[in-house]
Protein backbone atom coordinates (compact mmCIF):
# COMPACT_ATOMS: atom_id res chain seq x y z
CA UNK A 1 17.43 8.34 -8.81
CA UNK A 2 13.37 9.59 -6.90
CA UNK A 3 13.55 12.68 -6.26
CA UNK A 4 11.40 15.47 -3.71
CA UNK A 5 8.66 17.30 -5.47
CA UNK A 6 6.64 20.15 -3.58
CA UNK A 7 3.51 19.10 -4.50
CA UNK A 8 2.75 22.65 -6.41
CA UNK A 9 5.83 22.43 -7.85
CA UNK A 10 4.49 18.77 -8.98
CA UNK A 11 1.36 20.27 -9.94
CA UNK A 12 2.61 23.43 -12.21
CA UNK A 13 4.94 20.57 -13.94
CA UNK A 14 2.69 17.42 -14.14
CA UNK A 15 4.06 16.20 -17.42
CA UNK A 16 8.01 16.99 -15.75
CA UNK A 17 7.05 15.18 -13.23
CA UNK A 18 5.63 12.21 -14.84
CA UNK A 19 8.41 12.00 -16.95
CA UNK A 20 10.79 12.07 -14.82
CA UNK A 21 8.83 8.79 -12.77
CA UNK A 22 9.06 6.64 -15.41
CA UNK A 23 12.65 7.11 -16.75
CA UNK A 24 14.60 7.76 -12.97
CA UNK A 25 11.85 5.78 -10.90
CA UNK A 26 9.38 6.59 -8.63
CA UNK A 27 9.33 10.36 -7.76
CA UNK A 28 8.28 11.71 -3.73
CA UNK A 29 5.51 14.42 -3.28
CA UNK A 30 5.51 16.85 -0.25
CA UNK A 31 3.06 18.61 1.75
CA UNK A 32 4.66 21.21 3.95
CA UNK A 33 7.41 19.42 3.96
CA UNK A 34 6.40 15.96 4.77
CA UNK A 35 6.60 12.81 2.56
CA UNK A 36 2.77 12.94 1.64
CA UNK A 37 2.68 10.40 -1.61
CA UNK A 38 4.80 8.36 -4.55
CA UNK A 39 4.44 8.84 -8.30
CA UNK A 40 5.72 5.11 -9.46
CA UNK A 41 5.93 3.39 -13.16
CA UNK A 42 3.12 1.46 -13.81
CA UNK A 43 5.09 -2.09 -14.49
CA UNK A 44 6.69 -1.34 -11.14
CA UNK A 45 3.31 -0.34 -9.31
CA UNK A 46 2.16 -3.53 -10.64
CA UNK A 47 5.06 -5.71 -9.53
CA UNK A 48 3.92 -4.31 -6.14
CA UNK A 49 0.54 -4.56 -6.19
CA UNK A 50 1.14 -8.58 -7.42
CA UNK A 51 3.58 -9.32 -4.86
CA UNK A 52 0.79 -7.84 -2.11
CA UNK A 53 -2.10 -9.63 -2.88
CA UNK A 54 -1.26 -13.68 -3.94
CA UNK A 55 -3.75 -15.88 -6.69
CA UNK A 56 -5.76 -18.97 -5.18
CA UNK A 57 -3.37 -21.11 -6.81
CA UNK A 58 -0.04 -19.78 -5.11
CA UNK A 59 -1.35 -19.46 -2.29
CA UNK A 60 -3.10 -23.24 -2.03
CA UNK A 61 0.50 -24.29 -3.94
CA UNK A 62 2.34 -22.49 -0.47
CA UNK A 63 4.98 -24.51 1.55
CA UNK A 64 3.14 -22.99 4.81
CA UNK A 65 -0.24 -22.36 5.66
CA UNK A 66 -1.25 -18.71 5.14
CA UNK A 67 -4.68 -18.87 5.97
CA UNK A 68 -5.00 -15.27 8.06
CA UNK A 69 -5.20 -13.77 4.35
CA UNK A 70 -8.41 -16.05 3.30
CA UNK A 71 -10.34 -14.92 6.41
CA UNK A 72 -10.88 -11.89 8.12
CA UNK A 73 -10.26 -11.11 11.44
CA UNK A 74 -13.02 -12.22 14.32
CA UNK A 75 -14.05 -9.19 15.85
CA UNK A 76 -13.49 -8.89 20.12
CA UNK A 77 -16.79 -8.41 21.37
CA UNK A 78 -17.23 -6.42 24.98
CA UNK A 79 -17.77 -10.14 27.25
CA UNK A 80 -20.96 -9.16 29.81
CA UNK A 81 -20.45 -9.32 33.89
CA UNK A 82 -22.16 -12.24 34.99
CA UNK A 83 -25.86 -11.31 37.01
CA UNK A 84 -25.26 -12.18 40.88
CA UNK A 85 -26.49 -15.36 41.43
CA UNK A 86 -28.47 -15.91 44.88
């Protein structure tokens, strides 16, 4: 069960905050009442990290094309207005 911790409380009781993350799962940190960060157990972080970035083998063996991950987006350049023809 995730719990919300104010940043001051998380700093003051970091060991407890860390243990709660390990035992109970992700812990949310708030700053001035706004959810700002999450502390997650390392095993869960590794799963999320792996799911977000497939390796080359997974890309090549995927049934659908995933070329958008292989090439960076092209920059949009402003167009010049042509000079008038006289």
